[in-house]
Amino acid sequence: MATDTTETGYAQGFTTLDREVTLDRLQLDGALPEWLEGSLLRTGPAQFEIGGRSLNHWFDGLAMLHRFTFGSGEVAYANRFLQSRARRSAEAEGRQVYGEFATDPCRSIFGRVQSLFQPKITDNCNVNVARLGDRFVAMTETPMPVEFDPVTLATLGIAYKPPGHVTTAHPHGDAATGEAINYVTRFGPKPTYRVYGLAAVDAPPRTIAEVAAKPVAYMHSFGLSERYVALVEFPLVVKPLRLVLGTGPFMESFEWEPQRGTTFTVIDRRDGSLRGRYRAPPFFAFHHVNAFDDGEQRLVLDLCAYDDAAIVRSLFLDRLRSGTAGAVPDAYLTRCTVDLAGGGVTLERRSETPLELPRIDYGAVNGRPYRWVYGAARRAGAPAHGFIDQLVKIDAGDGAATTWSEEGCFPGEPVFVGAPGRSSEDDGVCLSVVLDGAAGTSFLLVLDAATFTERARAAVPHHIPFSFHGQFARGVA
């Protein structure tokens, strides 16, 4: 039985976009702030079939780059597939060659054994983009970031190879040193988490710390305060034998073991020493919002927390496309206060409005006390099988929320861009790519960050599949 567009229109966000365009000017309704100049650069999955076979999971789609460029009150747009080895191999052979998060290439038994000695690590960088000096990379959770030209979106090749097997696509920027800080998991008889700093694409990584990782936890992001690195080890842990034998996709190597609880591993950035490991009840999160400390006594970490890891399996494509396979779980802004003197961890939900894909005024407040977080979520009263259909602005202090939504529309991550010379934390705009489920096309929404009301929107002539993350790059036109 057919249902209305509000309920099922979001399924278009999980269908392939095979069109590449370069448009000098998009149709613009409303007016942009005069100071808004630069480019919003995004990556995300855009091809969900290889050789006539559908990939399994949202996280598996082959990556496409998108660029929205602002200048002189106008918006230009371009998109191009990331020409990764994973994509080129798939095109050449008409089948999946590299294993993705939840889709296995269906290798023979011989192929699986061979892969132990010649592993094919995917470079399908569909999660995030980062800027290192004047160079730009697309990233995923394998340590194979791919450099691209921010103007032409041409793929330039593997940028660097962090020393390990699994990493995050959410590096932090250190304002003091200019380094990108990230961690990488190294498997083996004695697995470790290695935290490192990278000053430039062609510079050797600087090891900040290395700590034991047993068992290895799945961590999509991590926390960084002015003094500490915090790895929050949720009880979604790797089963080494499954990983070594390669009996299925990467996702199947992990298992939810809530009896382990959650471990907060805190590292002192000054000397790389382990400040401590602190225990908390089991929960799960993809995204950290912010972290800050008061020196010796407390470390505060804000995350988008789920009760458990069910969210991972709820994002299989067959479920998302059907619109009837049950609710995608909601995450909530949760404050984790770590007593560094050994008093444990306190968890406190800060708002009753769901929150995912969080953004802050990163350059001004990351690693320090802050007030505002922007994100996306499902509306209260939305269909139980619905998807993200509103943008939210939450006061991290009192939990009060302001929202934007439009019937039949499904927004993505709101990227905050601050006004030059701003005196308040929310003086700026939020940029979000929105799918219009009725029209079957997308548009770029520009919200005033202070009032959370629309200033402008720019129409794209096709749909843009739902993506994850992007960055605003000043000086890129």
Protein backbone atom coordinates (compact mmCIF):
# COMPACT_ATOMS: atom_id res chain seq x y z
CA MET A 1 0.00 0.00 0.00
CA ALA A 2 1.39 3.41 -0.95
CA THR A 3 2.10 5.90 1.78
CA ASP A 4 2.48 9.66 1.60
CA THR A 5 5.69 11.44 0.62
CA THR A 6 6.45 12.55 4.15
CA GLU A 7 6.79 8.91 5.21
CA THR A 8 8.66 7.44 2.25
CA GLY A 9 10.21 10.36 0.37
CA TYR A 10 13.46 9.99 2.26
CA ALA A 11 14.10 6.65 0.53
CA GLN A 12 15.29 8.67 -2.49
CA GLY A 13 18.28 9.70 -0.39
CA PHE A 14 19.53 6.12 -0.60
CA THR A 15 19.38 5.85 -4.40
CA THR A 16 22.30 6.23 -6.79
CA LEU A 17 23.27 9.57 -8.33
CA ASP A 18 25.20 8.91 -11.54
CA ARG A 19 25.17 12.47 -12.87
CA GLU A 20 28.23 14.72 -12.62
CA VAL A 21 27.70 18.44 -13.28
CA THR A 22 29.44 21.79 -12.98
CA LEU A 23 27.04 24.73 -12.62
CA ASP A 24 28.24 28.31 -12.39
CA ARG A 25 25.05 29.55 -10.79
CA LEU A 26 22.19 27.87 -8.92
CA GLN A 27 18.72 29.35 -8.70
CA LEU A 28 18.72 31.24 -5.42
CA ASP A 29 15.72 32.22 -3.32
CA GLY A 30 16.46 34.73 -0.57
CA ALA A 31 19.72 36.57 0.03
CA LEU A 32 23.11 35.42 1.27
CA PRO A 33 25.12 37.43 3.80
CA GLU A 34 27.68 39.60 2.02
CA TRP A 35 30.55 38.10 4.00
CA LEU A 36 29.83 34.48 2.98
CA GLU A 37 32.65 33.57 0.59
CA GLY A 38 34.34 30.22 0.14
CA SER A 39 33.22 26.64 -0.52
CA LEU A 40 31.28 23.99 1.33
CA LEU A 41 33.05 20.71 0.46
CA ARG A 42 31.33 17.41 1.17
CA THR A 43 31.80 13.73 0.52
CA GLY A 44 29.26 10.96 0.81
CA PRO A 45 28.00 7.69 -0.68
CA ALA A 46 26.38 8.15 -4.10
CA GLN A 47 26.57 4.79 -5.91
CA PHE A 48 24.81 1.91 -4.19
CA GLU A 49 25.04 -0.79 -6.88
CA ILE A 50 28.07 -2.52 -8.41
CA GLY A 51 27.67 -4.95 -11.28
CA GLY A 52 23.92 -5.07 -10.82
CA ARG A 53 24.23 -6.01 -7.15
CA SER A 54 23.15 -3.66 -4.39
CA LEU A 55 25.53 -2.85 -1.61
CA ASN A 56 24.26 -3.70 1.85
CA HIS A 57 24.66 -0.62 4.02
CA TRP A 58 24.45 3.16 3.84
CA PHE A 59 28.12 3.30 4.84
CA ASP A 60 29.13 1.19 1.80
CA GLY A 61 28.14 3.47 -1.10
CA LEU A 62 30.91 4.64 -3.43
CA ALA A 63 32.00 8.18 -2.64
CA MET A 64 31.12 11.36 -4.48
CA LEU A 65 32.49 14.85 -3.78
CA HIS A 66 30.25 17.94 -3.77
CA ARG A 67 31.22 21.61 -3.83
CA PHE A 68 28.96 24.60 -3.15
CA THR A 69 30.88 27.83 -3.78
CA PHE A 70 29.73 31.22 -2.45
CA GLY A 71 30.72 34.63 -3.79
CA SER A 72 29.14 37.91 -4.89
CA GLY A 73 25.81 36.81 -3.47
CA GLU A 74 25.59 33.71 -5.68
CA VAL A 75 26.08 29.95 -5.33
CA ALA A 76 27.86 27.62 -7.77
CA TYR A 77 27.80 23.82 -7.57
CA ALA A 78 29.80 20.85 -8.83
CA ASN A 79 29.96 17.15 -8.07
CA ARG A 80 32.36 14.37 -9.12
CA PHE A 81 32.89 10.79 -8.11
CA LEU A 82 35.98 10.19 -6.03
CA GLN A 83 38.15 8.09 -8.32
CA SER A 84 39.36 5.77 -5.59
CA ARG A 85 41.00 2.43 -6.24
CA ALA A 86 37.80 0.82 -4.95
CA ARG A 87 35.70 2.62 -7.58
CA ARG A 88 38.16 2.14 -10.45
CA SER A 89 38.43 -1.57 -9.71
CA ALA A 90 34.66 -1.96 -9.54
CA GLU A 91 34.25 -0.20 -12.90
CA ALA A 92 36.99 -2.24 -14.55
CA GLU A 93 35.80 -5.64 -13.32
CA GLY A 94 32.06 -5.04 -13.08
CA ARG A 95 31.99 -6.29 -9.52
CA GLN A 96 32.96 -5.29 -6.01
CA VAL A 97 36.68 -5.87 -5.40
CA TYR A 98 37.34 -4.09 -2.10
CA GLY A 99 35.44 -4.97 1.07
CA GLU A 100 33.34 -2.20 2.56
CA PHE A 101 31.86 -1.68 6.02
CA ALA A 102 29.03 -4.21 5.65
CA THR A 103 29.39 -5.63 2.12
CA ASP A 104 31.82 -8.42 1.34
CA PRO A 105 33.22 -8.99 -2.18
CA CYS A 106 32.19 -12.68 -1.98
CA ARG A 107 35.70 -13.97 -2.40
CA SER A 108 36.31 -17.69 -2.65
CA ILE A 109 37.88 -19.54 0.27
CA PHE A 110 41.20 -19.27 -1.55
CA GLY A 111 40.64 -15.55 -1.96
CA ARG A 112 39.94 -15.13 1.73
CA VAL A 113 43.18 -16.88 2.70
CA GLN A 114 45.10 -14.86 0.15
CA SER A 115 43.64 -11.64 1.57
CA LEU A 116 45.39 -12.35 4.88
CA PHE A 117 48.70 -11.81 3.13
CA GLN A 118 47.65 -9.24 0.52
CA PRO A 119 44.78 -7.34 2.15
CA LYS A 120 42.69 -5.06 -0.04
CA ILE A 121 42.01 -2.06 2.18
CA THR A 122 39.31 0.16 0.75
CA ASP A 123 39.99 3.81 -0.01
CA ASN A 124 36.31 4.57 -0.56
CA CYS A 125 36.46 7.83 1.39
CA ASN A 126 32.77 8.63 1.80
CA VAL A 127 32.67 9.93 5.40
CA ASN A 128 34.40 13.31 5.79
CA VAL A 129 36.80 15.84 4.30
CA ALA A 130 39.66 17.60 6.05
CA ARG A 131 42.04 20.42 5.27
CA LEU A 132 45.76 20.05 5.98
CA GLY A 133 47.38 23.38 5.20
CA ASP A 134 46.35 24.14 1.64
CA ARG A 135 45.62 20.51 0.75
CA PHE A 136 42.36 18.63 1.07
CA VAL A 137 41.64 14.96 1.74
CA ALA A 138 38.56 12.77 1.78
CA MET A 139 38.50 10.26 4.62
CA THR A 140 36.89 7.09 5.84
CA GLU A 141 37.66 4.65 8.66
CA THR A 142 40.48 2.88 6.87
CA PRO A 143 43.86 4.63 6.93
CA MET A 144 43.80 5.51 3.22
CA PRO A 145 42.83 9.21 2.92
CA VAL A 146 42.53 10.41 -0.67
CA GLU A 147 43.68 13.87 -1.71
CA PHE A 148 41.52 15.91 -4.10
CA ASP A 149 41.56 19.31 -5.78
CA PRO A 150 39.01 21.50 -3.94
CA VAL A 151 38.25 23.56 -7.08
CA THR A 152 37.96 20.89 -9.78
CA LEU A 153 37.19 17.99 -7.40
CA ALA A 154 39.73 15.92 -9.33
CA THR A 155 41.11 12.94 -7.40
CA LEU A 156 44.87 13.24 -6.77
CA GLY A 157 45.62 9.90 -5.09
CA ILE A 158 46.38 8.44 -1.66
CA ALA A 159 47.55 11.30 0.54
CA TYR A 160 49.39 9.47 3.34
CA LYS A 161 49.22 6.20 5.25
CA PRO A 162 48.81 6.38 9.03
CA PRO A 163 50.60 3.43 10.68
CA GLY A 164 47.70 1.16 11.56
CA HIS A 165 44.62 -0.66 10.36
CA VAL A 166 41.53 1.33 11.42
CA THR A 167 41.22 5.05 12.09
CA THR A 168 38.57 7.78 12.25
CA ALA A 169 37.37 10.26 9.66
CA HIS A 170 37.08 12.87 12.41
CA PRO A 171 40.55 14.29 13.06
CA HIS A 172 40.78 17.28 15.38
CA GLY A 173 42.66 20.44 14.57
CA ASP A 174 45.16 21.74 17.14
CA ALA A 175 44.97 25.52 16.98
CA ALA A 176 48.30 25.89 18.80
CA THR A 177 50.41 23.65 16.56
CA GLY A 178 48.39 23.53 13.35
CA GLU A 179 48.47 19.75 13.47
CA ALA A 180 45.64 17.37 12.73
CA ILE A 181 45.28 14.96 15.66
CA ASN A 182 43.80 11.51 15.17
CA TYR A 183 44.20 7.96 16.39
CA VAL A 184 44.73 4.66 14.60
CA THR A 185 44.10 1.12 15.83
CA ARG A 186 46.88 -1.36 15.28
CA PHE A 187 45.82 -5.02 15.35
CA GLY A 188 48.10 -7.90 16.31
CA PRO A 189 48.89 -10.08 19.33
CA LYS A 190 49.00 -6.90 21.44
CA PRO A 191 46.65 -4.39 19.76
CA THR A 192 47.07 -0.70 20.53
CA TYR A 193 45.52 2.71 19.95
CA ARG A 194 48.12 5.12 18.64
CA VAL A 195 47.35 8.85 18.94
CA TYR A 196 49.34 10.96 16.50
CA GLY A 197 49.68 14.48 15.14
CA LEU A 198 50.13 15.35 11.47
CA ALA A 199 51.42 18.78 10.45
CA ALA A 200 51.07 18.32 6.67
CA VAL A 201 50.10 15.70 4.11
CA ASP A 202 53.75 15.02 3.28
CA ALA A 203 55.06 15.20 6.87
CA PRO A 204 55.77 12.14 9.03
CA PRO A 205 53.23 11.58 11.82
CA ARG A 206 54.28 12.55 15.35
CA THR A 207 53.35 9.94 17.94
CA ILE A 208 51.59 11.51 20.92
CA ALA A 209 50.75 8.32 22.81
CA GLU A 210 50.23 4.60 22.40
CA VAL A 211 48.03 2.61 24.77
CA ALA A 212 46.87 -0.99 24.95
CA ALA A 213 43.59 -1.83 23.22
CA LYS A 214 42.26 -5.12 24.49
CA PRO A 215 39.60 -5.68 23.47
CA VAL A 216 39.53 -3.33 20.48
CA ALA A 217 36.41 -1.13 20.46
CA TYR A 218 34.68 0.45 17.49
CA MET A 219 35.06 4.22 17.86
CA HIS A 220 33.90 6.54 15.08
CA SER A 221 35.28 9.71 16.69
CA PHE A 222 37.03 10.86 19.87
CA GLY A 223 37.24 13.80 22.25
CA LEU A 224 39.91 16.48 22.47
CA SER A 225 40.20 19.11 25.19
CA GLU A 226 42.99 21.63 25.65
CA ARG A 227 44.89 19.12 27.77
CA TYR A 228 43.51 15.63 27.09
CA VAL A 229 42.68 13.13 24.38
CA ALA A 230 39.72 10.95 25.32
CA LEU A 231 38.99 7.62 23.63
CA VAL A 232 35.53 6.42 24.64
CA GLU A 233 35.60 2.64 24.25
CA PHE A 234 32.02 1.47 23.83
CA PRO A 235 31.30 -2.25 24.31
CA LEU A 236 31.02 -2.84 20.55
CA VAL A 237 34.22 -4.87 20.42
CA VAL A 238 36.17 -6.76 17.77
CA LYS A 239 36.28 -10.55 17.70
CA PRO A 240 39.87 -11.14 16.52
CA LEU A 241 39.29 -14.56 14.95
CA ARG A 242 36.50 -13.25 12.73
CA LEU A 243 38.70 -10.36 11.64
CA VAL A 244 41.73 -12.54 10.88
CA LEU A 245 39.78 -15.21 8.99
CA GLY A 246 37.90 -12.59 6.99
CA THR A 247 34.69 -14.61 7.13
CA GLY A 248 32.52 -11.58 6.43
CA PRO A 249 32.55 -7.80 6.07
CA PHE A 250 34.28 -5.56 8.61
CA MET A 251 31.05 -4.88 10.50
CA GLU A 252 30.57 -8.59 11.27
CA SER A 253 33.88 -8.66 13.15
CA PHE A 254 32.31 -6.68 16.00
CA GLU A 255 29.90 -7.78 18.71
CA TRP A 256 27.88 -5.86 21.29
CA GLU A 257 28.95 -6.97 24.80
CA PRO A 258 27.18 -4.63 27.25
CA GLN A 259 28.54 -6.46 30.28
CA ARG A 260 31.88 -4.77 29.58
CA GLY A 261 30.44 -1.30 30.15
CA THR A 262 32.03 1.77 28.57
CA THR A 263 35.66 2.74 29.21
CA PHE A 264 36.89 6.34 29.06
CA THR A 265 40.60 6.20 28.24
CA VAL A 266 42.12 9.62 29.00
CA ILE A 267 45.58 10.59 27.72
CA ASP A 268 47.53 13.67 28.75
CA ARG A 269 48.51 15.51 25.58
CA ARG A 270 51.55 17.14 27.21
CA ASP A 271 53.59 13.98 27.65
CA GLY A 272 51.47 11.16 26.22
CA SER A 273 50.93 9.56 29.62
CA LEU A 274 47.80 7.60 30.43
CA ARG A 275 45.85 9.75 32.88
CA GLY A 276 43.51 6.90 33.64
CA ARG A 277 40.80 4.54 32.50
CA TYR A 278 37.35 5.27 33.88
CA ARG A 279 34.29 3.03 33.78
CA ALA A 280 30.68 3.88 32.94
CA PRO A 281 27.50 1.98 32.03
CA PRO A 282 27.18 0.64 28.47
CA PHE A 283 26.04 2.99 25.71
CA PHE A 284 27.08 3.83 22.15
CA ALA A 285 27.85 6.92 20.07
CA PHE A 286 29.16 7.76 16.65
CA HIS A 287 29.85 11.42 17.28
CA HIS A 288 31.50 13.53 19.92
CA VAL A 289 30.23 17.10 20.15
CA ASN A 290 32.91 18.78 22.26
CA ALA A 291 35.20 18.28 25.26
CA PHE A 292 36.73 20.56 27.86
CA ASP A 293 38.59 20.20 31.14
CA ASP A 294 39.30 22.18 34.27
CA GLY A 295 42.86 20.99 34.67
CA GLU A 296 43.39 18.26 37.24
CA GLN A 297 39.91 17.38 38.44
CA ARG A 298 37.30 17.04 35.68
CA LEU A 299 37.00 16.26 32.00
CA VAL A 300 33.65 16.95 30.32
CA LEU A 301 32.68 15.13 27.12
CA ASP A 302 29.46 15.79 25.22
CA LEU A 303 28.31 13.08 22.80
CA CYS A 304 25.27 12.04 20.76
CA ALA A 305 24.48 8.93 22.79
CA TYR A 306 22.38 5.87 21.94
CA ASP A 307 21.25 3.25 24.44
CA ASP A 308 23.10 0.56 22.48
CA ALA A 309 24.60 -0.18 19.06
CA ALA A 310 21.32 -1.08 17.33
CA ILE A 311 21.73 2.05 15.18
CA VAL A 312 24.49 0.30 13.18
CA ARG A 313 22.17 -2.44 11.92
CA SER A 314 19.25 -0.08 11.41
CA LEU A 315 21.16 1.57 8.54
CA PHE A 316 21.10 -1.38 6.15
CA LEU A 317 19.84 -0.17 2.78
CA ASP A 318 16.96 -2.62 2.46
CA ARG A 319 15.52 -1.32 5.74
CA LEU A 320 16.04 2.33 4.88
CA ARG A 321 14.57 2.02 1.40
CA SER A 322 11.48 0.13 2.51
CA GLY A 323 10.32 2.82 4.90
CA THR A 324 8.58 0.15 6.95
CA ALA A 325 11.35 -1.77 8.69
CA GLY A 326 11.16 -0.12 12.08
CA ALA A 327 12.49 3.03 13.66
CA VAL A 328 16.01 4.31 13.31
CA PRO A 329 17.02 4.86 16.96
CA ASP A 330 17.43 8.41 18.24
CA ALA A 331 20.58 9.80 19.86
CA TYR A 332 20.54 12.47 22.56
CA LEU A 333 23.01 15.10 23.69
CA THR A 334 24.62 13.47 26.71
CA ARG A 335 27.22 14.98 29.04
CA CYS A 336 29.84 12.63 30.41
CA THR A 337 31.73 14.12 33.35
CA VAL A 338 34.90 12.23 34.22
CA ASP A 339 36.28 12.64 37.75
CA LEU A 340 39.98 12.43 36.96
CA ALA A 341 40.79 11.79 40.61
CA GLY A 342 39.15 8.40 40.31
CA GLY A 343 35.56 9.17 41.20
CA GLY A 344 34.06 7.60 38.09
CA VAL A 345 31.93 8.96 35.26
CA THR A 346 28.57 10.72 35.51
CA LEU A 347 26.21 10.55 32.51
CA GLU A 348 23.52 13.21 32.08
CA ARG A 349 21.12 13.74 29.18
CA ARG A 350 21.22 17.47 28.43
CA SER A 351 18.17 17.74 26.15
CA GLU A 352 15.07 15.76 25.29
CA THR A 353 15.37 16.79 21.63
CA PRO A 354 17.20 14.12 19.59
CA LEU A 355 20.54 15.12 18.06
CA GLU A 356 22.87 13.63 15.45
CA LEU A 357 25.50 14.91 13.00
CA PRO A 358 26.51 17.62 15.51
CA ARG A 359 28.42 20.80 14.63
CA ILE A 360 29.75 23.66 16.76
CA ASP A 361 31.69 26.87 16.17
CA TYR A 362 34.73 24.62 15.99
CA GLY A 363 37.52 27.15 15.58
CA ALA A 364 36.29 29.25 18.49
CA VAL A 365 35.11 26.74 21.08
CA ASN A 366 36.41 23.25 20.37
CA GLY A 367 38.20 21.96 23.47
CA ARG A 368 36.69 24.72 25.59
CA PRO A 369 33.38 25.43 27.34
CA TYR A 370 30.69 26.26 24.79
CA ARG A 371 26.98 26.90 24.50
CA TRP A 372 25.51 26.03 21.10
CA VAL A 373 25.39 22.78 19.15
CA TYR A 374 23.64 22.34 15.79
CA GLY A 375 22.52 19.03 14.35
CA ALA A 376 19.83 16.98 12.64
CA ALA A 377 17.20 14.65 14.05
CA ARG A 378 13.72 13.18 13.70
CA ARG A 379 10.78 15.34 14.70
CA ALA A 380 8.66 14.44 17.69
CA GLY A 381 5.54 12.72 16.40
CA ALA A 382 7.19 11.72 13.11
CA PRO A 383 6.32 8.25 11.73
CA ALA A 384 7.92 5.46 13.73
CA HIS A 385 9.78 4.35 10.60
CA GLY A 386 10.80 7.87 9.64
CA PHE A 387 14.22 9.35 9.01
CA ILE A 388 15.96 12.64 9.88
CA ASP A 389 13.50 15.41 9.03
CA GLN A 390 14.52 18.48 11.03
CA LEU A 391 17.48 20.62 11.98
CA VAL A 392 18.03 21.49 15.62
CA LYS A 393 19.93 24.04 17.65
CA ILE A 394 20.43 23.05 21.29
CA ASP A 395 21.65 25.10 24.22
CA ALA A 396 24.18 22.77 25.85
CA GLY A 397 23.61 24.61 29.12
CA ASP A 398 19.88 24.22 29.70
CA GLY A 399 18.90 21.87 26.86
CA ALA A 400 16.48 24.29 25.22
CA ALA A 401 16.04 23.55 21.52
CA THR A 402 15.08 25.52 18.42
CA THR A 403 14.18 23.61 15.26
CA TRP A 404 13.70 24.04 11.51
CA SER A 405 11.63 21.67 9.41
CA GLU A 406 9.56 21.65 6.24
CA GLU A 407 6.99 19.04 5.29
CA GLY A 408 8.42 16.32 3.09
CA CYS A 409 12.02 17.58 3.40
CA PHE A 410 14.98 15.71 4.88
CA PRO A 411 18.04 17.78 5.87
CA GLY A 412 21.61 16.71 6.49
CA GLU A 413 24.39 17.91 8.76
CA PRO A 414 24.26 21.70 9.40
CA VAL A 415 27.76 23.13 8.95
CA PHE A 416 28.27 26.31 11.01
CA VAL A 417 30.09 29.20 9.33
CA GLY A 418 30.88 32.11 11.63
CA ALA A 419 30.59 35.75 10.59
CA PRO A 420 33.90 37.65 10.50
CA GLY A 421 34.56 39.62 13.68
CA ARG A 422 31.67 37.97 15.49
CA SER A 423 31.17 38.74 19.17
CA SER A 424 28.64 35.98 19.91
CA GLU A 425 29.06 32.23 19.48
CA ASP A 426 26.05 31.85 17.17
CA ASP A 427 26.69 34.83 14.90
CA GLY A 428 26.82 33.15 11.51
CA VAL A 429 24.94 30.74 9.27
CA CYS A 430 24.30 27.01 9.11
CA LEU A 431 24.54 25.27 5.72
CA SER A 432 22.60 22.04 5.15
CA VAL A 433 21.91 19.94 2.05
CA VAL A 434 18.19 19.09 2.06
CA LEU A 435 16.31 16.46 0.06
CA ASP A 436 12.87 17.59 -1.12
CA GLY A 437 11.03 14.28 -1.10
CA ALA A 438 8.14 15.53 -3.23
CA ALA A 439 10.25 17.14 -5.94
CA GLY A 440 12.91 14.44 -5.97
CA THR A 441 15.66 17.08 -5.95
CA SER A 442 17.85 18.68 -3.31
CA PHE A 443 18.65 22.21 -2.24
CA LEU A 444 21.23 23.95 -0.11
CA LEU A 445 19.59 25.62 2.87
CA VAL A 446 21.14 28.67 4.53
CA LEU A 447 19.86 29.31 8.07
CA ASP A 448 20.67 32.26 10.29
CA ALA A 449 22.45 30.49 13.14
CA ALA A 450 21.23 32.91 15.81
CA THR A 451 17.50 32.89 14.97
CA PHE A 452 17.52 29.51 13.18
CA THR A 453 15.34 30.93 10.43
CA GLU A 454 15.84 30.65 6.70
CA ARG A 455 17.91 33.25 4.88
CA ALA A 456 18.20 31.55 1.50
CA ARG A 457 18.09 28.31 -0.45
CA ALA A 458 19.82 27.27 -3.67
CA ALA A 459 18.18 24.63 -5.89
CA VAL A 460 20.16 21.67 -7.26
CA PRO A 461 18.74 20.08 -10.45
CA HIS A 462 19.00 16.53 -9.10
CA HIS A 463 18.78 14.69 -5.81
CA ILE A 464 21.90 14.43 -3.64
CA PRO A 465 22.08 11.11 -1.76
CA PHE A 466 22.28 11.48 1.99
CA SER A 467 25.87 12.06 3.05
CA PHE A 468 27.64 12.40 6.36
CA HIS A 469 30.08 15.28 6.74
CA GLY A 470 31.71 18.27 5.09
CA GLN A 471 33.78 21.35 5.84
CA PHE A 472 33.55 25.00 4.87
CA ALA A 473 36.78 26.20 3.26
CA ARG A 474 37.45 29.93 3.14
CA GLY A 475 39.54 31.05 0.20
CA VAL A 476 38.37 28.22 -2.07
CA ALA A 477 36.41 29.66 -4.98
